[in-house]
Amino acid sequence: MSRWRPLEDYSPLARALVTYMWEQRPPLLPSQFADKTHASRQTISRILNNDMAPDPAMLLQFAKAMGVRASTLFQLAGYTTANEPIYTHEEAWEMVRDAIAASPALDAPTRATLLDGIARIRAVEVAVPAQESPHQESAEVSDTTSIATDDDVDMEE
């Protein structure tokens, strides 16, 4: 049976995984973490012992199972930097919502209108799952979505 190394001896990604495993109650063994994340035990072993970065799809599985941002794991794995992050679809929308909510350049009614628009877009995305083909024509989507025009929105001048 292998032993845990000091935390500082792991790569940044492996350190995050080990910390997560240790923080669970009871703490997870690497094999249990593999089961939880639907990864092979060999993959987890290579990440922990050889400082191997898993493929991005595996990082998405880890992020979901661990309840952390995928962008954080992408950065720890060396796929991106803090200055040029990679976000999941949901994380990108979260960043847009946060930027609008925090913007001092927007007055309250404009901020509310924008946040409401984002909520409506997200509701349509949830109601109408993405098609398998990323090359779907816009006509397929037009039947299920509507775009607000100036006539549809009451805006005070």
N, C-alpha and C. Protein backbone atom coordinates (compact mmCIF):
# COMPACT_ATOMS: atom_id res chain seq x y z
N MET A 1 0.84 -1.18 0.00
CA MET A 1 0.00 0.00 0.00
C MET A 1 0.89 1.24 0.00
N SER A 2 0.57 2.19 -0.86
CA SER A 2 1.38 3.40 -0.95
C SER A 2 1.03 4.34 0.20
N ARG A 3 1.96 5.24 0.46
CA ARG A 3 1.77 6.21 1.53
C ARG A 3 1.58 7.59 0.92
N TRP A 4 0.90 8.43 1.70
CA TRP A 4 0.73 9.81 1.28
C TRP A 4 2.06 10.54 1.43
N ARG A 5 2.36 11.37 0.48
CA ARG A 5 3.54 12.23 0.57
C ARG A 5 3.14 13.53 1.26
N PRO A 6 4.13 14.32 1.68
CA PRO A 6 3.78 15.65 2.20
C PRO A 6 3.04 16.42 1.10
N LEU A 7 2.06 17.19 1.48
CA LEU A 7 1.21 17.90 0.52
C LEU A 7 2.01 18.76 -0.45
N GLU A 8 3.06 19.42 0.04
CA GLU A 8 3.85 20.30 -0.83
C GLU A 8 4.65 19.53 -1.89
N ASP A 9 4.73 18.21 -1.79
CA ASP A 9 5.45 17.41 -2.78
C ASP A 9 4.60 17.08 -4.01
N TYR A 10 3.32 17.37 -3.96
CA TYR A 10 2.44 17.09 -5.10
C TYR A 10 2.41 18.27 -6.06
N SER A 11 2.04 17.98 -7.30
CA SER A 11 1.81 19.05 -8.28
C SER A 11 0.61 19.87 -7.81
N PRO A 12 0.43 21.08 -8.34
CA PRO A 12 -0.73 21.89 -7.91
C PRO A 12 -2.07 21.18 -8.09
N LEU A 13 -2.26 20.49 -9.21
CA LEU A 13 -3.52 19.78 -9.41
C LEU A 13 -3.64 18.61 -8.42
N ALA A 14 -2.61 17.81 -8.31
CA ALA A 14 -2.65 16.68 -7.38
C ALA A 14 -2.86 17.16 -5.95
N ARG A 15 -2.27 18.28 -5.60
CA ARG A 15 -2.46 18.85 -4.26
C ARG A 15 -3.93 19.18 -4.02
N ALA A 16 -4.59 19.74 -5.01
CA ALA A 16 -6.02 20.05 -4.87
C ALA A 16 -6.84 18.77 -4.71
N LEU A 17 -6.50 17.74 -5.46
CA LEU A 17 -7.23 16.47 -5.36
C LEU A 17 -7.00 15.83 -4.00
N VAL A 18 -5.75 15.80 -3.56
CA VAL A 18 -5.42 15.21 -2.26
C VAL A 18 -6.11 15.97 -1.13
N THR A 19 -6.07 17.29 -1.20
CA THR A 19 -6.73 18.10 -0.17
C THR A 19 -8.21 17.79 -0.12
N TYR A 20 -8.83 17.69 -1.29
CA TYR A 20 -10.25 17.34 -1.35
C TYR A 20 -10.49 15.98 -0.69
N MET A 21 -9.67 14.98 -1.05
CA MET A 21 -9.85 13.64 -0.49
C MET A 21 -9.70 13.65 1.03
N TRP A 22 -8.70 14.37 1.52
CA TRP A 22 -8.45 14.43 2.96
C TRP A 22 -9.56 15.16 3.71
N GLU A 23 -10.20 16.13 3.07
CA GLU A 23 -11.24 16.92 3.74
C GLU A 23 -12.58 16.20 3.85
N GLN A 24 -12.76 15.12 3.10
CA GLN A 24 -14.02 14.39 3.16
C GLN A 24 -14.09 13.61 4.47
N ARG A 25 -15.30 13.38 4.96
CA ARG A 25 -15.48 12.63 6.20
C ARG A 25 -16.33 11.41 5.94
N PRO A 26 -15.76 10.24 6.04
CA PRO A 26 -14.35 9.96 6.28
C PRO A 26 -13.52 10.30 5.05
N PRO A 27 -12.22 10.50 5.25
CA PRO A 27 -11.37 10.83 4.09
C PRO A 27 -11.46 9.76 3.01
N LEU A 28 -11.36 10.20 1.77
CA LEU A 28 -11.43 9.27 0.63
C LEU A 28 -10.06 8.70 0.32
N LEU A 29 -10.04 7.44 -0.04
CA LEU A 29 -8.84 6.84 -0.61
C LEU A 29 -8.84 7.18 -2.10
N PRO A 30 -7.67 7.13 -2.74
CA PRO A 30 -7.64 7.40 -4.18
C PRO A 30 -8.62 6.51 -4.97
N SER A 31 -8.77 5.26 -4.59
CA SER A 31 -9.70 4.37 -5.30
C SER A 31 -11.14 4.85 -5.14
N GLN A 32 -11.48 5.39 -3.97
CA GLN A 32 -12.83 5.92 -3.76
C GLN A 32 -13.04 7.20 -4.56
N PHE A 33 -11.99 8.02 -4.65
CA PHE A 33 -12.07 9.23 -5.47
C PHE A 33 -12.27 8.84 -6.94
N ALA A 34 -11.56 7.81 -7.38
CA ALA A 34 -11.72 7.32 -8.76
C ALA A 34 -13.16 6.88 -9.01
N ASP A 35 -13.73 6.15 -8.08
CA ASP A 35 -15.11 5.71 -8.23
C ASP A 35 -16.07 6.90 -8.28
N LYS A 36 -15.85 7.86 -7.40
CA LYS A 36 -16.72 9.04 -7.32
C LYS A 36 -16.67 9.88 -8.60
N THR A 37 -15.51 9.95 -9.23
CA THR A 37 -15.33 10.79 -10.41
C THR A 37 -15.42 10.01 -11.72
N HIS A 38 -15.68 8.72 -11.64
CA HIS A 38 -15.79 7.86 -12.81
C HIS A 38 -14.48 7.82 -13.60
N ALA A 39 -13.37 7.89 -12.88
CA ALA A 39 -12.05 7.80 -13.49
C ALA A 39 -11.48 6.42 -13.16
N SER A 40 -10.53 6.00 -13.94
CA SER A 40 -9.89 4.74 -13.60
C SER A 40 -8.92 4.96 -12.43
N ARG A 41 -8.68 3.91 -11.70
CA ARG A 41 -7.73 4.01 -10.58
C ARG A 41 -6.34 4.32 -11.10
N GLN A 42 -6.03 3.81 -12.28
CA GLN A 42 -4.72 4.08 -12.88
C GLN A 42 -4.56 5.56 -13.20
N THR A 43 -5.62 6.18 -13.68
CA THR A 43 -5.57 7.61 -14.00
C THR A 43 -5.29 8.42 -12.74
N ILE A 44 -6.01 8.11 -11.67
CA ILE A 44 -5.80 8.83 -10.41
C ILE A 44 -4.38 8.59 -9.90
N SER A 45 -3.92 7.38 -9.99
CA SER A 45 -2.55 7.07 -9.56
C SER A 45 -1.52 7.86 -10.35
N ARG A 46 -1.71 7.94 -11.68
CA ARG A 46 -0.76 8.69 -12.51
C ARG A 46 -0.77 10.18 -12.16
N ILE A 47 -1.96 10.70 -11.89
CA ILE A 47 -2.05 12.12 -11.52
C ILE A 47 -1.33 12.36 -10.20
N LEU A 48 -1.56 11.50 -9.23
CA LEU A 48 -0.98 11.69 -7.91
C LEU A 48 0.52 11.38 -7.86
N ASN A 49 0.96 10.39 -8.64
CA ASN A 49 2.35 9.95 -8.54
C ASN A 49 3.29 10.48 -9.61
N ASN A 50 2.75 10.80 -10.74
CA ASN A 50 3.61 11.20 -11.86
C ASN A 50 3.37 12.62 -12.32
N ASP A 51 2.58 13.35 -11.60
CA ASP A 51 2.27 14.73 -11.96
C ASP A 51 1.71 14.85 -13.37
N MET A 52 0.93 13.86 -13.78
CA MET A 52 0.28 13.87 -15.08
C MET A 52 -0.98 14.72 -15.02
N ALA A 53 -1.20 15.53 -16.01
CA ALA A 53 -2.45 16.30 -16.11
C ALA A 53 -3.45 15.50 -16.94
N PRO A 54 -4.62 15.26 -16.41
CA PRO A 54 -5.62 14.51 -17.18
C PRO A 54 -6.17 15.36 -18.33
N ASP A 55 -6.89 14.70 -19.23
CA ASP A 55 -7.47 15.45 -20.34
C ASP A 55 -8.58 16.36 -19.79
N PRO A 56 -8.92 17.41 -20.54
CA PRO A 56 -9.92 18.37 -20.07
C PRO A 56 -11.27 17.75 -19.69
N ALA A 57 -11.70 16.73 -20.41
CA ALA A 57 -12.98 16.09 -20.08
C ALA A 57 -12.94 15.49 -18.67
N MET A 58 -11.80 14.92 -18.31
CA MET A 58 -11.66 14.35 -16.98
C MET A 58 -11.68 15.46 -15.93
N LEU A 59 -11.05 16.58 -16.23
CA LEU A 59 -11.08 17.71 -15.30
C LEU A 59 -12.50 18.19 -15.06
N LEU A 60 -13.33 18.18 -16.10
CA LEU A 60 -14.73 18.56 -15.94
C LEU A 60 -15.44 17.61 -14.98
N GLN A 61 -15.16 16.31 -15.10
CA GLN A 61 -15.74 15.32 -14.19
C GLN A 61 -15.28 15.58 -12.76
N PHE A 62 -13.99 15.86 -12.59
CA PHE A 62 -13.46 16.13 -11.26
C PHE A 62 -14.16 17.35 -10.66
N ALA A 63 -14.26 18.43 -11.44
CA ALA A 63 -14.86 19.66 -10.94
C ALA A 63 -16.30 19.43 -10.49
N LYS A 64 -17.04 18.68 -11.28
CA LYS A 64 -18.43 18.41 -10.93
C LYS A 64 -18.51 17.60 -9.64
N ALA A 65 -17.71 16.55 -9.53
CA ALA A 65 -17.74 15.69 -8.35
C ALA A 65 -17.25 16.42 -7.10
N MET A 66 -16.28 17.32 -7.27
CA MET A 66 -15.69 18.03 -6.14
C MET A 66 -16.45 19.30 -5.77
N GLY A 67 -17.32 19.76 -6.65
CA GLY A 67 -18.05 20.99 -6.39
C GLY A 67 -17.17 22.23 -6.48
N VAL A 68 -16.20 22.19 -7.39
CA VAL A 68 -15.31 23.34 -7.59
C VAL A 68 -15.44 23.81 -9.03
N ARG A 69 -14.93 25.01 -9.28
CA ARG A 69 -14.96 25.56 -10.64
C ARG A 69 -14.01 24.76 -11.54
N ALA A 70 -14.48 24.42 -12.70
CA ALA A 70 -13.62 23.76 -13.68
C ALA A 70 -12.46 24.66 -14.06
N SER A 71 -12.69 25.96 -14.12
CA SER A 71 -11.62 26.89 -14.49
C SER A 71 -10.46 26.81 -13.51
N THR A 72 -10.75 26.56 -12.24
CA THR A 72 -9.68 26.40 -11.24
C THR A 72 -8.84 25.17 -11.54
N LEU A 73 -9.50 24.06 -11.85
CA LEU A 73 -8.75 22.83 -12.14
C LEU A 73 -7.98 22.95 -13.45
N PHE A 74 -8.54 23.63 -14.45
CA PHE A 74 -7.80 23.86 -15.70
C PHE A 74 -6.53 24.64 -15.43
N GLN A 75 -6.62 25.62 -14.56
CA GLN A 75 -5.44 26.42 -14.23
C GLN A 75 -4.42 25.57 -13.46
N LEU A 76 -4.87 24.81 -12.48
CA LEU A 76 -3.96 23.97 -11.70
C LEU A 76 -3.27 22.91 -12.55
N ALA A 77 -3.97 22.44 -13.58
CA ALA A 77 -3.41 21.42 -14.47
C ALA A 77 -2.46 22.02 -15.50
N GLY A 78 -2.43 23.35 -15.58
CA GLY A 78 -1.52 24.00 -16.52
C GLY A 78 -2.10 24.23 -17.90
N TYR A 79 -3.40 24.03 -18.06
CA TYR A 79 -4.03 24.25 -19.36
C TYR A 79 -4.28 25.72 -19.64
N THR A 80 -4.29 26.53 -18.60
CA THR A 80 -4.60 27.95 -18.74
C THR A 80 -3.94 28.72 -17.61
N THR A 81 -4.10 30.02 -17.64
CA THR A 81 -3.56 30.87 -16.58
C THR A 81 -4.68 31.69 -15.96
N ALA A 82 -4.37 32.35 -14.88
CA ALA A 82 -5.37 33.22 -14.24
C ALA A 82 -5.75 34.37 -15.16
N ASN A 83 -4.82 34.81 -15.99
CA ASN A 83 -5.10 35.92 -16.91
C ASN A 83 -5.90 35.49 -18.13
N GLU A 84 -5.85 34.21 -18.47
CA GLU A 84 -6.57 33.69 -19.63
C GLU A 84 -7.31 32.41 -19.24
N PRO A 85 -8.35 32.54 -18.40
CA PRO A 85 -9.04 31.35 -17.90
C PRO A 85 -9.91 30.68 -18.96
N ILE A 86 -10.18 29.43 -18.73
CA ILE A 86 -11.13 28.67 -19.54
C ILE A 86 -12.32 28.39 -18.63
N TYR A 87 -13.51 28.78 -19.08
CA TYR A 87 -14.71 28.59 -18.29
C TYR A 87 -15.63 27.56 -18.92
N THR A 88 -16.37 26.88 -18.08
CA THR A 88 -17.47 26.07 -18.59
C THR A 88 -18.57 27.05 -19.01
N HIS A 89 -19.56 26.54 -19.68
CA HIS A 89 -20.68 27.36 -20.13
C HIS A 89 -21.32 28.07 -18.93
N GLU A 90 -21.61 27.32 -17.88
CA GLU A 90 -22.24 27.89 -16.69
C GLU A 90 -21.34 28.92 -16.02
N GLU A 91 -20.05 28.63 -15.93
CA GLU A 91 -19.12 29.58 -15.31
C GLU A 91 -19.04 30.89 -16.10
N ALA A 92 -19.13 30.78 -17.43
CA ALA A 92 -19.09 31.99 -18.26
C ALA A 92 -20.32 32.86 -17.98
N TRP A 93 -21.49 32.25 -17.89
CA TRP A 93 -22.69 33.01 -17.56
C TRP A 93 -22.59 33.62 -16.16
N GLU A 94 -22.01 32.87 -15.24
CA GLU A 94 -21.83 33.38 -13.88
C GLU A 94 -20.93 34.62 -13.88
N MET A 95 -19.88 34.58 -14.69
CA MET A 95 -18.97 35.72 -14.78
C MET A 95 -19.70 36.94 -15.36
N VAL A 96 -20.53 36.72 -16.37
CA VAL A 96 -21.30 37.82 -16.97
C VAL A 96 -22.26 38.40 -15.94
N ARG A 97 -22.99 37.53 -15.24
CA ARG A 97 -23.92 38.01 -14.21
C ARG A 97 -23.19 38.82 -13.13
N ASP A 98 -22.05 38.30 -12.67
CA ASP A 98 -21.29 39.00 -11.63
C ASP A 98 -20.79 40.35 -12.11
N ALA A 99 -20.33 40.40 -13.36
CA ALA A 99 -19.82 41.67 -13.90
C ALA A 99 -20.94 42.70 -14.01
N ILE A 100 -22.10 42.27 -14.44
CA ILE A 100 -23.24 43.20 -14.53
C ILE A 100 -23.67 43.65 -13.14
N ALA A 101 -23.76 42.72 -12.23
CA ALA A 101 -24.20 43.06 -10.87
C ALA A 101 -23.24 44.02 -10.18
N ALA A 102 -21.95 43.93 -10.49
CA ALA A 102 -20.94 44.75 -9.82
C ALA A 102 -20.60 46.04 -10.57
N SER A 103 -21.15 46.21 -11.77
CA SER A 103 -20.77 47.35 -12.59
C SER A 103 -21.29 48.68 -12.03
N PRO A 104 -20.39 49.61 -11.70
CA PRO A 104 -20.84 50.92 -11.23
C PRO A 104 -21.37 51.79 -12.37
N ALA A 105 -21.14 51.37 -13.62
CA ALA A 105 -21.59 52.17 -14.76
C ALA A 105 -23.06 51.96 -15.08
N LEU A 106 -23.70 50.97 -14.47
CA LEU A 106 -25.10 50.67 -14.75
C LEU A 106 -26.00 51.19 -13.64
N ASP A 107 -27.10 51.84 -14.05
CA ASP A 107 -28.07 52.24 -13.04
C ASP A 107 -28.92 51.02 -12.69
N ALA A 108 -29.66 51.10 -11.61
CA ALA A 108 -30.42 49.96 -11.10
C ALA A 108 -31.42 49.39 -12.11
N PRO A 109 -32.21 50.23 -12.81
CA PRO A 109 -33.16 49.66 -13.78
C PRO A 109 -32.47 48.93 -14.94
N THR A 110 -31.37 49.49 -15.43
CA THR A 110 -30.64 48.85 -16.53
C THR A 110 -30.04 47.53 -16.05
N ARG A 111 -29.46 47.55 -14.85
CA ARG A 111 -28.88 46.33 -14.28
C ARG A 111 -29.96 45.25 -14.15
N ALA A 112 -31.12 45.65 -13.63
CA ALA A 112 -32.22 44.69 -13.46
C ALA A 112 -32.69 44.13 -14.79
N THR A 113 -32.78 44.99 -15.80
CA THR A 113 -33.20 44.54 -17.14
C THR A 113 -32.20 43.54 -17.71
N LEU A 114 -30.92 43.83 -17.59
CA LEU A 114 -29.89 42.93 -18.11
C LEU A 114 -29.89 41.59 -17.37
N LEU A 115 -29.98 41.64 -16.05
CA LEU A 115 -29.99 40.40 -15.27
C LEU A 115 -31.24 39.57 -15.57
N ASP A 116 -32.38 40.26 -15.77
CA ASP A 116 -33.60 39.55 -16.14
C ASP A 116 -33.44 38.90 -17.52
N GLY A 117 -32.81 39.61 -18.44
CA GLY A 117 -32.57 39.04 -19.77
C GLY A 117 -31.69 37.80 -19.71
N ILE A 118 -30.67 37.85 -18.88
CA ILE A 118 -29.80 36.68 -18.72
C ILE A 118 -30.58 35.52 -18.12
N ALA A 119 -31.41 35.80 -17.13
CA ALA A 119 -32.22 34.74 -16.52
C ALA A 119 -33.14 34.10 -17.55
N ARG A 120 -33.70 34.91 -18.43
CA ARG A 120 -34.59 34.38 -19.47
C ARG A 120 -33.82 33.51 -20.47
N ILE A 121 -32.64 33.96 -20.85
CA ILE A 121 -31.82 33.18 -21.77
C ILE A 121 -31.46 31.84 -21.13
N ARG A 122 -31.05 31.87 -19.87
CA ARG A 122 -30.69 30.64 -19.16
C ARG A 122 -31.88 29.71 -19.05
N ALA A 123 -33.08 30.27 -18.82
CA ALA A 123 -34.29 29.43 -18.72
C ALA A 123 -34.56 28.73 -20.04
N VAL A 124 -34.36 29.43 -21.16
CA VAL A 124 -34.55 28.81 -22.47
C VAL A 124 -33.50 27.73 -22.69
N GLU A 125 -32.26 27.99 -22.30
CA GLU A 125 -31.21 26.98 -22.45
C GLU A 125 -31.52 25.71 -21.67
N VAL A 126 -32.11 25.87 -20.49
CA VAL A 126 -32.46 24.70 -19.68
C VAL A 126 -33.66 23.98 -20.29
N ALA A 127 -34.63 24.75 -20.78
CA ALA A 127 -35.85 24.17 -21.35
C ALA A 127 -35.59 23.50 -22.69
N VAL A 128 -34.64 24.02 -23.45
CA VAL A 128 -34.35 23.49 -24.77
C VAL A 128 -32.90 23.00 -24.76
N PRO A 129 -32.70 21.71 -24.46
CA PRO A 129 -31.33 21.20 -24.41
C PRO A 129 -30.61 21.39 -25.74
N ALA A 130 -29.31 21.56 -25.66
CA ALA A 130 -28.50 21.76 -26.86
C ALA A 130 -28.61 20.54 -27.77
N GLN A 131 -28.60 20.81 -29.05
CA GLN A 131 -28.61 19.74 -30.04
C GLN A 131 -27.28 19.03 -30.04
N GLU A 132 -27.25 17.79 -30.52
CA GLU A 132 -25.99 17.06 -30.57
C GLU A 132 -24.99 17.71 -31.50
N SER A 133 -25.46 18.25 -32.60
CA SER A 133 -24.56 18.87 -33.56
C SER A 133 -24.32 20.32 -33.20
N PRO A 134 -23.06 20.74 -33.10
CA PRO A 134 -22.81 22.15 -32.81
C PRO A 134 -23.07 23.05 -34.01
N HIS A 135 -23.41 22.46 -35.15
CA HIS A 135 -23.59 23.22 -36.38
C HIS A 135 -25.07 23.36 -36.74
N GLN A 136 -25.92 23.44 -35.73
CA GLN A 136 -27.34 23.56 -36.00
C GLN A 136 -27.63 24.92 -36.62
N GLU A 137 -28.65 24.95 -37.46
CA GLU A 137 -29.00 26.20 -38.12
C GLU A 137 -29.84 27.05 -37.19
N SER A 138 -29.71 28.36 -37.33
CA SER A 138 -30.43 29.27 -36.44
C SER A 138 -31.94 29.12 -36.56
N ALA A 139 -32.45 28.65 -37.70
CA ALA A 139 -33.88 28.47 -37.87
C ALA A 139 -34.43 27.44 -36.88
N GLU A 140 -33.62 26.44 -36.52
CA GLU A 140 -34.07 25.43 -35.57
C GLU A 140 -34.31 26.04 -34.21
N VAL A 141 -33.55 27.01 -33.84
CA VAL A 141 -33.65 27.63 -32.53
C VAL A 141 -34.72 28.71 -32.52
N SER A 142 -34.98 29.35 -33.65
CA SER A 142 -35.87 30.50 -33.68
C SER A 142 -37.29 30.16 -33.25
N ASP A 143 -37.71 28.91 -33.41
CA ASP A 143 -39.05 28.55 -33.00
C ASP A 143 -39.20 28.50 -31.48
N THR A 144 -38.12 28.37 -30.74
CA THR A 144 -38.21 28.20 -29.30
C THR A 144 -37.71 29.39 -28.51
N THR A 145 -37.17 30.39 -29.19
CA THR A 145 -36.66 31.56 -28.49
C THR A 145 -37.21 32.82 -29.12
N SER A 146 -37.23 33.88 -28.36
CA SER A 146 -37.62 35.16 -28.93
C SER A 146 -36.63 36.20 -28.45
N ILE A 147 -36.42 37.17 -29.29
CA ILE A 147 -35.51 38.26 -28.98
C ILE A 147 -36.35 39.49 -28.68
N ALA A 148 -36.07 40.10 -27.56
CA ALA A 148 -36.81 41.31 -27.19
C ALA A 148 -36.35 42.47 -28.06
N THR A 149 -37.31 43.24 -28.53
CA THR A 149 -36.98 44.44 -29.29
C THR A 149 -37.30 45.64 -28.42
N ASP A 150 -36.96 46.84 -28.90
CA ASP A 150 -37.24 48.06 -28.15
C ASP A 150 -38.75 48.18 -27.87
N ASP A 151 -39.58 47.68 -28.80
CA ASP A 151 -41.02 47.77 -28.61
C ASP A 151 -41.51 46.85 -27.50
N ASP A 152 -40.74 45.76 -27.22
CA ASP A 152 -41.13 44.82 -26.20
C ASP A 152 -40.74 45.23 -24.79
N VAL A 153 -39.80 46.15 -24.68
CA VAL A 153 -39.25 46.53 -23.39
C VAL A 153 -39.62 47.97 -23.08
N ASP A 154 -40.23 48.18 -21.92
CA ASP A 154 -40.54 49.53 -21.49
C ASP A 154 -39.29 50.16 -20.92
N MET A 155 -38.76 51.18 -21.62
CA MET A 155 -37.56 51.85 -21.15
C MET A 155 -37.87 53.32 -21.00
N GLU A 156 -37.53 53.84 -19.86
CA GLU A 156 -37.73 55.27 -19.64
C GLU A 156 -36.59 56.03 -20.28
N GLU A 157 -36.92 57.07 -21.00
CA GLU A 157 -35.89 57.88 -21.68
C GLU A 157 -35.27 58.83 -20.71
